[in-house]
Amino acid sequence: MVISKDLGYISAKRFDLVSEQITDLRQMLNGYIRYLREKKTQMRKESDQSYSTKSEPEFTNEGRLPIDVLIEHSDNRSNS
């Protein structure tokens, strides 16, 4: 941009306008990048919390594994 202005390809007024637009765009992009980084950090924290708050799996049928219940059920059917 500077070289274009120095060589007379663009006017000083145009150079100032474009430079201001570039500065505004840079600020918007940096703000968006900062937002995305904060969002990513927040999601990681929430994910870590969800893993740490999960309880152990609960067993059904008085603490027995489901396969034990199925075996017992099939034994009872064969005895009938």
C-alpha atoms as a PDB file:
ATOM      1  CA  MET A   1       0.000   0.000   0.000  1.00  0.00           C
ATOM      2  CA  VAL A   2       2.723   2.447   0.971  1.00  0.00           C
ATOM      3  CA  ILE A   3       4.670   1.785  -2.198  1.00  0.00           C
ATOM      4  CA  SER A   4       1.517   2.236  -4.292  1.00  0.00           C
ATOM      5  CA  LYS A   5       0.959   5.630  -2.679  1.00  0.00           C
ATOM      6  CA  ASP A   6       4.615   6.623  -3.008  1.00  0.00           C
ATOM      7  CA  LEU A   7       4.646   5.719  -6.708  1.00  0.00           C
ATOM      8  CA  GLY A   8       1.426   7.635  -7.329  1.00  0.00           C
ATOM      9  CA  TYR A   9      -0.819   4.653  -8.094  1.00  0.00           C
ATOM     10  CA  ILE A  10      -3.268   5.718  -5.377  1.00  0.00           C
ATOM     11  CA  SER A  11      -3.949   9.113  -3.863  1.00  0.00           C
ATOM     12  CA  ALA A  12      -3.102   9.998  -0.270  1.00  0.00           C
ATOM     13  CA  LYS A  13      -6.834  10.331   0.440  1.00  0.00           C
ATOM     14  CA  ARG A  14      -7.501   6.827  -0.906  1.00  0.00           C
ATOM     15  CA  PHE A  15      -4.498   5.484   1.024  1.00  0.00           C
ATOM     16  CA  ASP A  16      -5.834   6.953   4.281  1.00  0.00           C
ATOM     17  CA  LEU A  17      -9.312   5.518   3.643  1.00  0.00           C
ATOM     18  CA  VAL A  18      -8.029   2.017   2.877  1.00  0.00           C
ATOM     19  CA  SER A  19      -5.579   2.103   5.807  1.00  0.00           C
ATOM     20  CA  GLU A  20      -8.442   2.986   8.154  1.00  0.00           C
ATOM     21  CA  GLN A  21     -10.533   0.131   6.760  1.00  0.00           C
ATOM     22  CA  ILE A  22      -7.619  -2.285   7.215  1.00  0.00           C
ATOM     23  CA  THR A  23      -7.201  -1.157  10.830  1.00  0.00           C
ATOM     24  CA  ASP A  24     -10.930  -1.662  11.506  1.00  0.00           C
ATOM     25  CA  LEU A  25     -10.868  -5.096   9.880  1.00  0.00           C
ATOM     26  CA  ARG A  26      -7.775  -6.100  11.873  1.00  0.00           C
ATOM     27  CA  GLN A  27      -9.522  -5.133  15.115  1.00  0.00           C
ATOM     28  CA  MET A  28     -12.651  -7.087  14.188  1.00  0.00           C
ATOM     29  CA  LEU A  29     -10.648 -10.187  13.267  1.00  0.00           C
ATOM     30  CA  ASN A  30      -8.587 -10.025  16.455  1.00  0.00           C
ATOM     31  CA  GLY A  31     -11.788  -9.682  18.494  1.00  0.00           C
ATOM     32  CA  TYR A  32     -13.318 -12.684  16.753  1.00  0.00           C
ATOM     33  CA  ILE A  33     -10.171 -14.761  17.271  1.00  0.00           C
ATOM     34  CA  ARG A  34     -10.193 -13.829  20.978  1.00  0.00           C
ATOM     35  CA  TYR A  35     -13.882 -14.803  21.213  1.00  0.00           C
ATOM     36  CA  LEU A  36     -13.221 -18.187  19.600  1.00  0.00           C
ATOM     37  CA  ARG A  37     -10.294 -18.898  21.923  1.00  0.00           C
ATOM     38  CA  GLU A  38     -12.380 -18.026  24.991  1.00  0.00           C
ATOM     39  CA  LYS A  39     -15.254 -20.182  23.725  1.00  0.00           C
ATOM     40  CA  LYS A  40     -12.868 -23.094  23.130  1.00  0.00           C
ATOM     41  CA  THR A  41     -11.450 -22.716  26.658  1.00  0.00           C
ATOM     42  CA  GLN A  42     -14.959 -22.549  28.107  1.00  0.00           C
ATOM     43  CA  MET A  43     -16.023 -25.688  26.238  1.00  0.00           C
ATOM     44  CA  ARG A  44     -12.945 -27.559  27.501  1.00  0.00           C
ATOM     45  CA  LYS A  45     -13.710 -26.565  31.082  1.00  0.00           C
ATOM     46  CA  GLU A  46     -17.333 -27.692  30.720  1.00  0.00           C
ATOM     47  CA  SER A  47     -16.194 -30.948  29.157  1.00  0.00           C
ATOM     48  CA  ASP A  48     -13.707 -31.583  31.976  1.00  0.00           C
ATOM     49  CA  GLN A  49     -16.405 -30.879  34.559  1.00  0.00           C
ATOM     50  CA  SER A  50     -18.840 -33.288  32.920  1.00  0.00           C
ATOM     51  CA  TYR A  51     -16.249 -36.076  33.057  1.00  0.00           C
ATOM     52  CA  SER A  52     -15.381 -35.406  36.684  1.00  0.00           C
ATOM     53  CA  THR A  53     -19.016 -35.281  37.849  1.00  0.00           C
ATOM     54  CA  LYS A  54     -20.119 -38.516  36.222  1.00  0.00           C
ATOM     55  CA  SER A  55     -20.834 -41.198  38.763  1.00  0.00           C
ATOM     56  CA  GLU A  56     -19.962 -44.840  38.497  1.00  0.00           C
ATOM     57  CA  PRO A  57     -22.383 -46.898  36.423  1.00  0.00           C
ATOM     58  CA  GLU A  58     -25.250 -48.269  38.437  1.00  0.00           C
ATOM     59  CA  PHE A  59     -25.973 -51.971  38.395  1.00  0.00           C
ATOM     60  CA  THR A  60     -29.545 -53.116  38.084  1.00  0.00           C
ATOM     61  CA  ASN A  61     -31.238 -55.919  39.996  1.00  0.00           C
ATOM     62  CA  GLU A  62     -29.633 -55.438  43.408  1.00  0.00           C
ATOM     63  CA  GLY A  63     -26.084 -54.922  42.213  1.00  0.00           C
ATOM     64  CA  ARG A  64     -25.949 -57.949  39.929  1.00  0.00           C
ATOM     65  CA  LEU A  65     -24.793 -57.654  36.390  1.00  0.00           C
ATOM     66  CA  PRO A  66     -27.498 -58.011  33.731  1.00  0.00           C
ATOM     67  CA  ILE A  67     -25.931 -61.274  32.511  1.00  0.00           C
ATOM     68  CA  ASP A  68     -26.419 -62.782  35.977  1.00  0.00           C
ATOM     69  CA  VAL A  69     -30.086 -61.878  35.822  1.00  0.00           C
ATOM     70  CA  LEU A  70     -30.425 -63.468  32.395  1.00  0.00           C
ATOM     71  CA  ILE A  71     -28.758 -66.675  33.560  1.00  0.00           C
ATOM     72  CA  GLU A  72     -30.981 -66.828  36.613  1.00  0.00           C
ATOM     73  CA  HIS A  73     -34.040 -66.142  34.487  1.00  0.00           C
ATOM     74  CA  SER A  74     -33.144 -68.943  32.038  1.00  0.00           C
ATOM     75  CA  ASP A  75     -32.491 -71.347  34.963  1.00  0.00           C
ATOM     76  CA  ASN A  76     -35.900 -70.592  36.406  1.00  0.00           C
ATOM     77  CA  ARG A  77     -37.555 -71.218  33.040  1.00  0.00           C
ATOM     78  CA  SER A  78     -35.854 -74.595  32.610  1.00  0.00           C
ATOM     79  CA  ASN A  79     -36.893 -75.693  36.132  1.00  0.00           C
ATOM     80  CA  SER A  80     -40.540 -74.883  35.411  1.00  0.00           C
END
